[in-house]
Amino acid sequence: MKSYRSLNLAALLFAAFSAQSETTVPQDVQRFIDEAEICQHLAGEWDPSLPEQQQQEIKAGVDEHCAKAEKQLPALRGKYSEEQDILAMISGYSL
């Protein structure tokens, strides 16, 4: 019984520490990250040996998601120009 209490206490302490150390990501930044991640994923899927239909689907996805991310990036850089942690998050994406 005592080991369960110690284990529970350790889990609670870990959860409390983890919650304090996380940076809250604003919704607009998270939307950018989501679009940029999809953009990069789809771009990595491109292969000229794929069937034409699949190539078209990938191209459409890249066009959609990369365009959204590219449009969002300048506004986010301006909005968060004084917040180095957020700038570091968004600057890690090459679009």
N, C-alpha and C. Protein backbone atom coordinates (compact mmCIF):
# COMPACT_ATOMS: atom_id res chain seq x y z
N MET A 1 0.83 -1.19 0.00
CA MET A 1 0.00 0.00 0.00
C MET A 1 0.87 1.25 0.00
N LYS A 2 1.95 1.22 0.74
CA LYS A 2 2.83 2.38 0.84
C LYS A 2 3.49 2.70 -0.51
N SER A 3 3.84 1.66 -1.27
CA SER A 3 4.48 1.90 -2.56
C SER A 3 3.51 2.56 -3.54
N TYR A 4 2.23 2.25 -3.45
CA TYR A 4 1.24 2.89 -4.32
C TYR A 4 1.13 4.37 -3.99
N ARG A 5 1.16 4.72 -2.71
CA ARG A 5 1.11 6.13 -2.32
C ARG A 5 2.33 6.88 -2.86
N SER A 6 3.49 6.27 -2.76
CA SER A 6 4.70 6.90 -3.28
C SER A 6 4.63 7.06 -4.78
N LEU A 7 4.11 6.05 -5.44
CA LEU A 7 3.98 6.10 -6.89
C LEU A 7 2.98 7.19 -7.30
N ASN A 8 1.87 7.28 -6.59
CA ASN A 8 0.88 8.31 -6.88
C ASN A 8 1.45 9.70 -6.64
N LEU A 9 2.18 9.87 -5.57
CA LEU A 9 2.80 11.16 -5.27
C LEU A 9 3.80 11.53 -6.34
N ALA A 10 4.59 10.58 -6.77
CA ALA A 10 5.57 10.85 -7.82
C ALA A 10 4.86 11.24 -9.13
N ALA A 11 3.78 10.56 -9.45
CA ALA A 11 3.02 10.88 -10.66
C ALA A 11 2.42 12.28 -10.58
N LEU A 12 1.90 12.64 -9.42
CA LEU A 12 1.33 13.98 -9.24
C LEU A 12 2.39 15.06 -9.36
N LEU A 13 3.54 14.83 -8.76
CA LEU A 13 4.63 15.80 -8.85
C LEU A 13 5.11 15.96 -10.29
N PHE A 14 5.23 14.85 -10.99
CA PHE A 14 5.65 14.90 -12.38
C PHE A 14 4.65 15.67 -13.22
N ALA A 15 3.35 15.41 -13.02
CA ALA A 15 2.31 16.11 -13.78
C ALA A 15 2.33 17.60 -13.48
N ALA A 16 2.52 17.96 -12.23
CA ALA A 16 2.57 19.39 -11.86
C ALA A 16 3.78 20.06 -12.49
N PHE A 17 4.92 19.41 -12.46
CA PHE A 17 6.13 19.98 -13.05
C PHE A 17 5.98 20.12 -14.56
N SER A 18 5.41 19.11 -15.20
CA SER A 18 5.23 19.14 -16.65
C SER A 18 4.29 20.26 -17.06
N ALA A 19 3.24 20.46 -16.31
CA ALA A 19 2.28 21.50 -16.64
C ALA A 19 2.91 22.89 -16.53
N GLN A 20 3.79 23.09 -15.57
CA GLN A 20 4.43 24.39 -15.39
C GLN A 20 5.47 24.66 -16.46
N SER A 21 6.11 23.64 -16.98
CA SER A 21 7.21 23.86 -17.90
C SER A 21 6.75 24.01 -19.35
N GLU A 22 5.48 23.74 -19.64
CA GLU A 22 4.99 23.85 -21.00
C GLU A 22 4.68 25.30 -21.34
N THR A 23 5.03 25.69 -22.56
CA THR A 23 4.69 27.00 -23.04
C THR A 23 3.32 26.91 -23.70
N THR A 24 2.44 27.83 -23.34
CA THR A 24 1.13 27.86 -23.96
C THR A 24 1.28 28.43 -25.36
N VAL A 25 0.77 27.72 -26.33
CA VAL A 25 0.87 28.14 -27.73
C VAL A 25 -0.44 28.81 -28.10
N PRO A 26 -0.38 30.07 -28.54
CA PRO A 26 -1.61 30.75 -28.96
C PRO A 26 -2.27 30.01 -30.13
N GLN A 27 -3.58 30.15 -30.25
CA GLN A 27 -4.32 29.42 -31.28
C GLN A 27 -3.84 29.76 -32.68
N ASP A 28 -3.55 31.02 -32.96
CA ASP A 28 -3.12 31.38 -34.31
C ASP A 28 -1.77 30.76 -34.64
N VAL A 29 -0.91 30.65 -33.65
CA VAL A 29 0.38 30.01 -33.86
C VAL A 29 0.19 28.51 -34.05
N GLN A 30 -0.69 27.91 -33.28
CA GLN A 30 -0.96 26.48 -33.44
C GLN A 30 -1.55 26.18 -34.80
N ARG A 31 -2.44 27.04 -35.31
CA ARG A 31 -3.00 26.84 -36.65
C ARG A 31 -1.89 26.89 -37.70
N PHE A 32 -0.97 27.86 -37.54
CA PHE A 32 0.17 27.94 -38.46
C PHE A 32 1.00 26.66 -38.41
N ILE A 33 1.32 26.21 -37.21
CA ILE A 33 2.13 25.00 -37.05
C ILE A 33 1.44 23.80 -37.70
N ASP A 34 0.13 23.68 -37.49
CA ASP A 34 -0.61 22.58 -38.10
C ASP A 34 -0.52 22.63 -39.62
N GLU A 35 -0.74 23.81 -40.20
CA GLU A 35 -0.67 23.96 -41.66
C GLU A 35 0.75 23.68 -42.16
N ALA A 36 1.75 24.20 -41.47
CA ALA A 36 3.14 24.01 -41.89
C ALA A 36 3.54 22.53 -41.79
N GLU A 37 3.09 21.85 -40.76
CA GLU A 37 3.39 20.42 -40.61
C GLU A 37 2.77 19.60 -41.75
N ILE A 38 1.51 19.91 -42.07
CA ILE A 38 0.85 19.19 -43.17
C ILE A 38 1.56 19.50 -44.48
N CYS A 39 1.91 20.76 -44.68
CA CYS A 39 2.63 21.17 -45.89
C CYS A 39 3.92 20.37 -46.05
N GLN A 40 4.72 20.33 -44.99
CA GLN A 40 5.99 19.62 -45.06
C GLN A 40 5.79 18.11 -45.24
N HIS A 41 4.78 17.57 -44.57
CA HIS A 41 4.52 16.14 -44.71
C HIS A 41 4.16 15.80 -46.16
N LEU A 42 3.23 16.56 -46.72
CA LEU A 42 2.80 16.28 -48.09
C LEU A 42 3.94 16.48 -49.08
N ALA A 43 4.73 17.52 -48.87
CA ALA A 43 5.87 17.76 -49.77
C ALA A 43 6.83 16.58 -49.74
N GLY A 44 6.97 15.96 -48.58
CA GLY A 44 7.84 14.81 -48.45
C GLY A 44 7.28 13.55 -49.08
N GLU A 45 5.98 13.54 -49.35
CA GLU A 45 5.33 12.39 -49.98
C GLU A 45 5.49 12.38 -51.50
N TRP A 46 5.89 13.52 -52.05
CA TRP A 46 5.96 13.63 -53.52
C TRP A 46 6.96 12.65 -54.09
N ASP A 47 6.54 11.97 -55.13
CA ASP A 47 7.40 11.02 -55.84
C ASP A 47 6.89 10.95 -57.27
N PRO A 48 7.74 11.25 -58.25
CA PRO A 48 7.27 11.24 -59.63
C PRO A 48 6.82 9.86 -60.12
N SER A 49 7.18 8.82 -59.39
CA SER A 49 6.77 7.48 -59.83
C SER A 49 5.36 7.11 -59.33
N LEU A 50 4.73 7.99 -58.56
CA LEU A 50 3.37 7.73 -58.08
C LEU A 50 2.38 7.83 -59.23
N PRO A 51 1.25 7.17 -59.11
CA PRO A 51 0.20 7.31 -60.13
C PRO A 51 -0.23 8.78 -60.25
N GLU A 52 -0.64 9.16 -61.43
CA GLU A 52 -1.01 10.56 -61.71
C GLU A 52 -2.06 11.10 -60.73
N GLN A 53 -3.06 10.30 -60.42
CA GLN A 53 -4.11 10.73 -59.50
C GLN A 53 -3.53 11.07 -58.12
N GLN A 54 -2.65 10.23 -57.64
CA GLN A 54 -2.04 10.47 -56.33
C GLN A 54 -1.13 11.70 -56.37
N GLN A 55 -0.42 11.90 -57.46
CA GLN A 55 0.41 13.09 -57.62
C GLN A 55 -0.46 14.35 -57.56
N GLN A 56 -1.61 14.32 -58.22
CA GLN A 56 -2.51 15.47 -58.23
C GLN A 56 -3.06 15.75 -56.84
N GLU A 57 -3.40 14.70 -56.10
CA GLU A 57 -3.91 14.88 -54.74
C GLU A 57 -2.85 15.48 -53.83
N ILE A 58 -1.62 15.00 -53.95
CA ILE A 58 -0.53 15.55 -53.14
C ILE A 58 -0.28 16.99 -53.51
N LYS A 59 -0.24 17.28 -54.81
CA LYS A 59 -0.01 18.65 -55.26
C LYS A 59 -1.10 19.59 -54.75
N ALA A 60 -2.35 19.17 -54.80
CA ALA A 60 -3.46 19.99 -54.31
C ALA A 60 -3.31 20.25 -52.81
N GLY A 61 -2.93 19.23 -52.06
CA GLY A 61 -2.73 19.39 -50.62
C GLY A 61 -1.57 20.32 -50.31
N VAL A 62 -0.47 20.17 -51.04
CA VAL A 62 0.69 21.05 -50.85
C VAL A 62 0.29 22.48 -51.17
N ASP A 63 -0.39 22.68 -52.30
CA ASP A 63 -0.80 24.03 -52.69
C ASP A 63 -1.68 24.66 -51.61
N GLU A 64 -2.63 23.91 -51.09
CA GLU A 64 -3.56 24.43 -50.09
C GLU A 64 -2.87 24.76 -48.77
N HIS A 65 -2.18 23.78 -48.21
CA HIS A 65 -1.63 23.94 -46.86
C HIS A 65 -0.40 24.84 -46.84
N CYS A 66 0.44 24.75 -47.84
CA CYS A 66 1.63 25.60 -47.88
C CYS A 66 1.23 27.06 -48.10
N ALA A 67 0.22 27.29 -48.94
CA ALA A 67 -0.23 28.66 -49.18
C ALA A 67 -0.79 29.28 -47.89
N LYS A 68 -1.56 28.50 -47.14
CA LYS A 68 -2.11 29.00 -45.87
C LYS A 68 -0.99 29.35 -44.90
N ALA A 69 -0.03 28.46 -44.77
CA ALA A 69 1.08 28.70 -43.84
C ALA A 69 1.91 29.90 -44.27
N GLU A 70 2.20 29.99 -45.56
CA GLU A 70 2.99 31.12 -46.07
C GLU A 70 2.28 32.45 -45.85
N LYS A 71 0.96 32.44 -45.96
CA LYS A 71 0.18 33.66 -45.75
C LYS A 71 0.18 34.06 -44.27
N GLN A 72 0.13 33.10 -43.37
CA GLN A 72 0.07 33.36 -41.94
C GLN A 72 1.40 33.84 -41.36
N LEU A 73 2.49 33.37 -41.92
CA LEU A 73 3.82 33.58 -41.32
C LEU A 73 4.19 35.05 -41.12
N PRO A 74 4.09 35.93 -42.11
CA PRO A 74 4.49 37.32 -41.88
C PRO A 74 3.68 38.01 -40.78
N ALA A 75 2.38 37.74 -40.73
CA ALA A 75 1.54 38.35 -39.70
C ALA A 75 1.95 37.86 -38.31
N LEU A 76 2.26 36.58 -38.20
CA LEU A 76 2.68 36.04 -36.90
C LEU A 76 4.02 36.61 -36.47
N ARG A 77 4.95 36.75 -37.42
CA ARG A 77 6.25 37.34 -37.08
C ARG A 77 6.08 38.76 -36.56
N GLY A 78 5.18 39.50 -37.16
CA GLY A 78 4.92 40.87 -36.68
C GLY A 78 4.23 40.88 -35.33
N LYS A 79 3.22 40.08 -35.20
CA LYS A 79 2.43 40.04 -33.96
C LYS A 79 3.26 39.60 -32.76
N TYR A 80 4.15 38.64 -32.97
CA TYR A 80 4.92 38.07 -31.86
C TYR A 80 6.40 38.47 -31.93
N SER A 81 6.68 39.63 -32.49
CA SER A 81 8.07 40.04 -32.69
C SER A 81 8.86 40.19 -31.38
N GLU A 82 8.18 40.36 -30.29
CA GLU A 82 8.85 40.50 -28.98
C GLU A 82 8.87 39.21 -28.17
N GLU A 83 8.34 38.14 -28.72
CA GLU A 83 8.25 36.87 -27.98
C GLU A 83 9.16 35.84 -28.64
N GLN A 84 10.37 35.74 -28.12
CA GLN A 84 11.40 34.89 -28.73
C GLN A 84 11.03 33.42 -28.78
N ASP A 85 10.31 32.93 -27.78
CA ASP A 85 9.94 31.51 -27.78
C ASP A 85 8.98 31.20 -28.93
N ILE A 86 8.05 32.09 -29.20
CA ILE A 86 7.12 31.87 -30.30
C ILE A 86 7.83 32.06 -31.64
N LEU A 87 8.68 33.08 -31.73
CA LEU A 87 9.44 33.27 -32.97
C LEU A 87 10.28 32.03 -33.28
N ALA A 88 10.86 31.43 -32.25
CA ALA A 88 11.65 30.22 -32.46
C ALA A 88 10.79 29.08 -32.99
N MET A 89 9.56 28.98 -32.47
CA MET A 89 8.65 27.92 -32.93
C MET A 89 8.32 28.07 -34.40
N ILE A 90 7.98 29.28 -34.80
CA ILE A 90 7.52 29.48 -36.19
C ILE A 90 8.67 29.59 -37.17
N SER A 91 9.85 29.94 -36.70
CA SER A 91 10.99 30.07 -37.60
C SER A 91 11.60 28.73 -37.97
N GLY A 92 11.18 27.68 -37.30
CA GLY A 92 11.72 26.35 -37.57
C GLY A 92 11.14 25.71 -38.83
N TYR A 93 10.24 26.42 -39.51
CA TYR A 93 9.59 25.86 -40.70
C TYR A 93 10.09 26.56 -41.95
N SER A 94 10.53 25.77 -42.92
CA SER A 94 10.92 26.34 -44.21
C SER A 94 9.79 26.01 -45.19
N LEU A 95 9.19 27.05 -45.69
CA LEU A 95 8.04 26.87 -46.57
C LEU A 95 8.38 27.28 -47.98
